[in-house]
Amino acid sequence: MTLGVFFPIEAFQRDEPTMKNQVQLAQRAEALGYSALWVRDVPLRDPSFGDVGQIYDPWVWLSYILAQTKSISLATGSIIFTLHHPIDIAKPACSVDQLSGGRLVIGAAAGDRPVEYPAYNIPIEHRDKIFRESIKFFREITLKSYPVLDSPLGKLLGRGDLIPKPTSKKGIPLLVTGRARQTIEWIAEHGDGWLYYPQPVAQQRLVVDEWRNATRTFGFKPFAQSLYVDLSDDPDEGPSPIHLGYSCGRKYLLKHLQLLQEIGVNHVILNFKYGRRNAAEVLEEIGEYIVPRFPKHPA
């Protein structure tokens, strides 16, 4: 199992991150051995959700960060495939992948913010079908040269080709986020992994087992999840639940992460939004005492 961290790397109220010192914090996360930096795709602010991600467009932000980091993976959690045309996802994705030397991982979501669908003039009730078509279109144009495509999303007749292509002939790793209104069998076949939401360990074990059963015929495909963390300055403090995570000391956090590893979780993305402490201190403490227990994979 490996550990990543969500932008913004800071604690903040409501949906008002400052975005201060993010480059320095990203560079420090890389130096400490975190395996990935994660960005969000939030086209429109909806105060009822309390989250605008890193504020900046995910592709612009990733381009900015990749130029100032060296080896840490860059990941989206997640790009809303139902709201953007697959060409307009593939072009920046392959560009970031090439410019970063193959560091990109794509989390792909169907979206869950009702305010965004009428703004894009997309029927929210059709997002499951649009998601499937978009993933198929994305795969075709990133993996094939001059593809022939006849899709509800557009036609390519072998005369146009997307450039650049991904650094790997296998394509950019793509993790489906949540259920995306799809069957587990579809996710197992069409995703390179699954990005899920945090739950109590006993419940998450059932989801991981379901994933392993569904992917049995496809070989290993990773299971990832997020986790909100409010790290106490007392390392012995026990857990108190917060939204999608825990307020606790580092000893309990380590124990919890080890339990997730035991049930088969392969990557955990830490989010410091609800923290009481300065995020730089939390990043450092987790980096010193916990990250070495979950080392990142070689490049």
Protein backbone atom coordinates (compact mmCIF):
# COMPACT_ATOMS: atom_id res chain seq x y z
CA MET A 1 0.00 0.00 0.00
CA THR A 2 1.14 3.55 -0.77
CA LEU A 3 0.09 6.98 0.51
CA GLY A 4 -0.85 10.10 -1.41
CA VAL A 5 -2.19 13.52 -0.47
CA PHE A 6 -4.95 15.71 -1.87
CA PHE A 7 -4.55 19.31 -2.88
CA PRO A 8 -5.10 21.73 -1.25
CA ILE A 9 -2.51 20.61 1.29
CA GLU A 10 -4.01 22.75 4.03
CA ALA A 11 -6.80 22.93 6.60
CA PHE A 12 -9.55 25.40 5.77
CA GLN A 13 -13.11 26.38 6.59
CA ARG A 14 -16.12 25.86 4.29
CA ASP A 15 -14.87 25.91 0.67
CA GLU A 16 -12.26 28.63 1.02
CA PRO A 17 -8.72 27.25 0.68
CA THR A 18 -5.95 29.84 0.54
CA MET A 19 -3.75 27.81 -1.85
CA LYS A 20 -0.69 29.27 -0.10
CA ASN A 21 2.68 27.49 -0.23
CA GLN A 22 1.28 24.60 -2.26
CA VAL A 23 4.36 24.20 -4.42
CA GLN A 24 6.65 24.01 -1.39
CA LEU A 25 4.30 21.53 0.29
CA ALA A 26 4.13 19.41 -2.87
CA GLN A 27 7.92 19.36 -3.07
CA ARG A 28 8.13 18.43 0.61
CA ALA A 29 5.62 15.59 0.11
CA GLU A 30 7.80 14.28 -2.69
CA ALA A 31 10.94 14.51 -0.55
CA LEU A 32 9.23 12.71 2.34
CA GLY A 33 8.25 9.77 0.13
CA TYR A 34 4.54 10.27 -0.45
CA SER A 35 3.68 8.48 -3.67
CA ALA A 36 1.12 10.78 -5.30
CA LEU A 37 -0.35 14.28 -5.42
CA TRP A 38 -4.08 14.38 -6.22
CA VAL A 39 -6.21 17.12 -7.82
CA ARG A 40 -9.96 17.61 -8.19
CA ASP A 41 -12.11 18.58 -11.17
CA VAL A 42 -14.72 21.06 -9.87
CA PRO A 43 -16.03 23.17 -12.76
CA LEU A 44 -18.52 25.22 -10.69
CA ARG A 45 -18.70 26.24 -7.06
CA ASP A 46 -21.66 24.80 -5.18
CA PRO A 47 -21.52 25.96 -1.53
CA SER A 48 -23.72 23.05 -0.41
CA PHE A 49 -20.86 20.65 -1.24
CA GLY A 50 -18.23 22.53 0.78
CA ASP A 51 -15.42 21.60 -1.59
CA VAL A 52 -13.89 23.34 -4.60
CA GLY A 53 -10.76 21.22 -4.77
CA GLN A 54 -7.61 23.19 -5.56
CA ILE A 55 -9.70 26.00 -7.18
CA TYR A 56 -7.60 26.02 -10.36
CA ASP A 57 -8.39 23.95 -13.42
CA PRO A 58 -6.93 20.47 -12.85
CA TRP A 59 -4.88 20.37 -16.05
CA VAL A 60 -3.46 23.85 -15.57
CA TRP A 61 -2.61 23.02 -11.97
CA LEU A 62 -1.02 19.67 -12.84
CA SER A 63 1.10 21.36 -15.50
CA TYR A 64 2.26 23.90 -12.93
CA ILE A 65 3.08 21.23 -10.34
CA LEU A 66 4.76 18.79 -12.72
CA ALA A 67 7.27 21.47 -13.69
CA GLN A 68 8.31 21.82 -10.05
CA THR A 69 8.43 18.15 -9.01
CA LYS A 70 10.51 15.27 -10.30
CA SER A 71 9.18 11.79 -9.59
CA ILE A 72 5.99 11.85 -7.51
CA SER A 73 2.89 10.56 -9.31
CA LEU A 74 0.28 13.11 -10.40
CA ALA A 75 -3.33 11.94 -10.16
CA THR A 76 -6.85 13.19 -10.70
CA GLY A 77 -9.51 12.40 -8.16
CA SER A 78 -11.43 12.79 -10.35
CA ILE A 79 -12.02 14.16 -13.85
CA ILE A 80 -15.75 14.32 -14.61
CA PHE A 81 -15.94 12.33 -17.83
CA THR A 82 -19.65 13.08 -18.35
CA LEU A 83 -19.17 16.86 -18.50
CA HIS A 84 -16.15 17.12 -20.82
CA HIS A 85 -15.76 15.74 -24.31
CA PRO A 86 -13.24 12.87 -24.30
CA ILE A 87 -11.01 14.68 -26.82
CA ASP A 88 -10.82 17.61 -24.41
CA ILE A 89 -9.81 15.20 -21.64
CA ALA A 90 -7.38 13.17 -23.73
CA LYS A 91 -5.42 16.10 -25.17
CA PRO A 92 -4.38 17.66 -21.82
CA ALA A 93 -4.06 14.24 -20.16
CA CYS A 94 -1.61 12.95 -22.74
CA SER A 95 0.23 16.27 -22.65
CA VAL A 96 0.66 16.08 -18.86
CA ASP A 97 1.63 12.42 -19.14
CA GLN A 98 4.33 13.19 -21.71
CA LEU A 99 5.65 16.33 -20.02
CA SER A 100 5.86 14.56 -16.64
CA GLY A 101 7.58 11.47 -18.01
CA GLY A 102 4.62 9.15 -17.46
CA ARG A 103 3.63 10.23 -13.96
CA LEU A 104 -0.10 10.70 -14.59
CA VAL A 105 -2.90 8.53 -13.17
CA ILE A 106 -6.49 9.41 -14.08
CA GLY A 107 -9.38 9.01 -11.70
CA ALA A 108 -12.57 9.15 -13.80
CA ALA A 109 -15.99 10.02 -12.34
CA ALA A 110 -19.56 10.33 -13.59
CA GLY A 111 -20.15 13.39 -11.41
CA ASP A 112 -22.53 14.05 -8.54
CA ARG A 113 -23.19 17.81 -8.47
CA PRO A 114 -26.64 18.54 -9.92
CA VAL A 115 -25.84 22.22 -10.52
CA GLU A 116 -23.26 21.34 -13.18
CA TYR A 117 -25.41 19.27 -15.55
CA PRO A 118 -27.86 21.98 -16.67
CA ALA A 119 -24.92 24.38 -16.98
CA TYR A 120 -23.39 22.00 -19.55
CA ASN A 121 -26.83 21.22 -21.00
CA ILE A 122 -26.31 17.53 -20.23
CA PRO A 123 -29.21 15.43 -18.87
CA ILE A 124 -28.13 14.16 -15.45
CA GLU A 125 -30.32 11.07 -15.86
CA HIS A 126 -28.16 9.96 -18.81
CA ARG A 127 -24.80 10.27 -17.08
CA ASP A 128 -24.33 6.51 -16.75
CA LYS A 129 -24.56 5.98 -20.53
CA ILE A 130 -22.49 9.10 -21.29
CA PHE A 131 -19.80 7.88 -18.88
CA ARG A 132 -19.49 4.53 -20.65
CA GLU A 133 -19.35 6.15 -24.08
CA SER A 134 -16.79 8.70 -22.92
CA ILE A 135 -14.46 6.07 -21.44
CA LYS A 136 -14.68 4.03 -24.66
CA PHE A 137 -13.98 7.10 -26.81
CA PHE A 138 -11.06 8.14 -24.57
CA ARG A 139 -9.47 4.69 -24.77
CA GLU A 140 -9.81 4.54 -28.55
CA ILE A 141 -8.24 7.91 -29.29
CA THR A 142 -5.38 7.53 -26.80
CA LEU A 143 -4.44 3.95 -27.72
CA LYS A 144 -4.99 3.89 -31.48
CA SER A 145 -3.62 5.95 -34.35
CA TYR A 146 -6.20 7.38 -36.74
CA PRO A 147 -9.05 5.44 -35.14
CA VAL A 148 -12.38 4.85 -36.84
CA LEU A 149 -15.12 5.80 -34.38
CA ASP A 150 -18.86 6.17 -34.70
CA SER A 151 -20.02 7.24 -31.25
CA PRO A 152 -22.92 9.30 -29.85
CA LEU A 153 -20.15 11.67 -28.74
CA GLY A 154 -18.71 12.14 -32.22
CA LYS A 155 -17.29 10.50 -35.33
CA LEU A 156 -13.72 9.88 -36.40
CA LEU A 157 -13.26 8.39 -39.85
CA GLY A 158 -9.59 7.52 -39.76
CA ARG A 159 -8.45 10.93 -40.99
CA GLY A 160 -7.76 12.62 -37.67
CA ASP A 161 -5.45 11.51 -34.88
CA LEU A 162 -4.94 12.64 -31.30
CA ILE A 163 -1.41 13.76 -30.45
CA PRO A 164 0.53 13.34 -28.30
CA LYS A 165 -0.10 9.74 -27.32
CA PRO A 166 0.58 8.46 -23.78
CA THR A 167 4.12 7.52 -22.76
CA SER A 168 3.03 3.88 -22.31
CA LYS A 169 1.55 1.72 -25.05
CA LYS A 170 -0.87 0.44 -22.39
CA GLY A 171 -2.24 3.96 -22.03
CA ILE A 172 -2.65 6.22 -19.01
CA PRO A 173 -3.79 4.24 -15.95
CA LEU A 174 -7.49 4.96 -15.36
CA LEU A 175 -9.31 4.37 -12.07
CA VAL A 176 -13.10 4.52 -12.02
CA THR A 177 -14.35 6.60 -9.08
CA GLY A 178 -17.16 5.20 -6.96
CA ARG A 179 -19.81 3.17 -8.74
CA ALA A 180 -20.32 5.79 -11.48
CA ARG A 181 -23.78 4.20 -11.88
CA GLN A 182 -22.09 1.14 -13.43
CA THR A 183 -22.00 -2.53 -12.50
CA ILE A 184 -18.95 -3.84 -10.69
CA GLU A 185 -18.36 -6.13 -13.67
CA TRP A 186 -18.18 -3.16 -16.06
CA ILE A 187 -15.79 -1.29 -13.76
CA ALA A 188 -13.57 -4.38 -13.44
CA GLU A 189 -13.40 -4.82 -17.22
CA HIS A 190 -12.95 -1.20 -18.29
CA GLY A 191 -11.01 0.34 -15.40
CA ASP A 192 -7.36 -0.17 -14.50
CA GLY A 193 -8.32 0.19 -10.85
CA TRP A 194 -11.07 1.39 -8.53
CA LEU A 195 -11.09 4.59 -6.47
CA TYR A 196 -13.63 4.31 -3.67
CA TYR A 197 -14.87 6.25 -0.67
CA PRO A 198 -13.72 5.66 2.93
CA GLN A 199 -15.84 3.42 5.14
CA PRO A 200 -15.38 1.54 8.42
CA VAL A 201 -12.84 -1.23 7.90
CA ALA A 202 -15.37 -4.07 8.14
CA GLN A 203 -17.54 -2.51 5.42
CA GLN A 204 -14.57 -1.65 3.25
CA ARG A 205 -13.37 -5.24 3.45
CA LEU A 206 -16.61 -6.36 1.77
CA VAL A 207 -16.11 -3.83 -1.04
CA VAL A 208 -12.48 -4.86 -1.55
CA ASP A 209 -13.50 -8.54 -1.62
CA GLU A 210 -16.16 -7.71 -4.20
CA TRP A 211 -13.50 -5.97 -6.30
CA ARG A 212 -11.07 -8.88 -6.08
CA ASN A 213 -13.76 -11.30 -7.17
CA ALA A 214 -14.78 -9.10 -10.09
CA THR A 215 -11.21 -8.64 -11.32
CA ARG A 216 -10.09 -12.22 -10.87
CA THR A 217 -10.02 -12.94 -14.60
CA PHE A 218 -8.27 -9.64 -15.46
CA GLY A 219 -5.25 -9.90 -13.16
CA PHE A 220 -4.29 -7.49 -10.41
CA LYS A 221 -6.06 -4.13 -10.43
CA PRO A 222 -5.49 -1.77 -7.48
CA PHE A 223 -8.08 -0.54 -5.01
CA ALA A 224 -7.65 3.02 -3.72
CA GLN A 225 -9.58 5.19 -1.29
CA SER A 226 -9.49 8.66 0.26
CA LEU A 227 -9.32 9.43 4.00
CA TYR A 228 -9.85 12.73 5.81
CA VAL A 229 -7.41 13.15 8.69
CA ASP A 230 -7.37 15.60 11.58
CA LEU A 231 -4.07 14.64 13.21
CA SER A 232 -3.76 15.46 16.89
CA ASP A 233 -0.49 16.75 18.34
CA ASP A 234 -0.85 13.96 20.92
CA PRO A 235 0.39 10.79 19.19
CA ASP A 236 -1.58 8.61 21.64
CA GLU A 237 -4.97 10.24 21.10
CA GLY A 238 -7.67 7.77 20.14
CA PRO A 239 -10.05 8.14 17.20
CA SER A 240 -13.09 10.37 16.92
CA PRO A 241 -15.06 10.24 13.67
CA ILE A 242 -15.11 13.24 11.34
CA HIS A 243 -16.60 13.51 7.85
CA LEU A 244 -15.13 10.60 5.84
CA GLY A 245 -12.29 10.07 8.28
CA TYR A 246 -10.90 10.44 11.78
CA SER A 247 -9.52 12.87 14.27
CA CYS A 248 -6.74 10.96 16.01
CA GLY A 249 -3.08 10.74 16.96
CA ARG A 250 -0.49 9.26 14.65
CA LYS A 251 -0.40 5.89 16.44
CA TYR A 252 -4.06 5.23 15.73
CA LEU A 253 -3.67 6.53 12.17
CA LEU A 254 -0.86 4.06 11.58
CA LYS A 255 -2.95 1.23 13.04
CA HIS A 256 -5.91 2.17 10.84
CA LEU A 257 -3.77 2.32 7.71
CA GLN A 258 -2.25 -1.06 8.52
CA LEU A 259 -5.76 -2.50 8.81
CA LEU A 260 -6.63 -1.07 5.41
CA GLN A 261 -3.50 -2.65 4.00
CA GLU A 262 -4.46 -6.01 5.53
CA ILE A 263 -7.89 -6.00 3.87
CA GLY A 264 -6.33 -5.26 0.46
CA VAL A 265 -6.43 -1.47 0.01
CA ASN A 266 -3.51 -0.47 -2.25
CA HIS A 267 -3.46 3.32 -1.99
CA VAL A 268 -4.84 5.84 0.51
CA ILE A 269 -5.19 9.55 -0.33
CA LEU A 270 -4.97 11.75 2.76
CA ASN A 271 -7.00 14.95 2.93
CA PHE A 272 -6.19 17.56 5.62
CA LYS A 273 -9.19 19.89 5.07
CA TYR A 274 -10.70 19.35 8.54
CA GLY A 275 -7.44 19.54 10.46
CA ARG A 276 -6.92 21.67 13.56
CA ARG A 277 -3.16 21.86 13.06
CA ASN A 278 -1.06 23.47 10.38
CA ALA A 279 -1.03 21.11 7.39
CA ALA A 280 2.72 21.51 6.92
CA GLU A 281 3.28 20.08 10.43
CA VAL A 282 0.88 17.22 9.75
CA LEU A 283 2.50 16.45 6.39
CA GLU A 284 5.88 16.36 8.13
CA GLU A 285 4.79 14.16 11.05
CA ILE A 286 3.05 11.63 8.84
CA GLY A 287 6.02 11.75 6.48
CA GLU A 288 8.46 11.00 9.29
CA TYR A 289 6.58 8.34 11.25
CA ILE A 290 4.06 6.74 8.87
CA VAL A 291 5.06 7.11 5.21
CA PRO A 292 8.22 4.97 5.64
CA ARG A 293 5.93 2.06 6.59
CA PHE A 294 4.25 2.35 3.17
CA PRO A 295 7.07 3.11 0.69
CA LYS A 296 6.28 4.22 -2.84
CA HIS A 297 7.01 1.93 -5.76
CA PRO A 298 10.14 2.45 -7.87
CA ALA A 299 9.63 4.77 -10.86
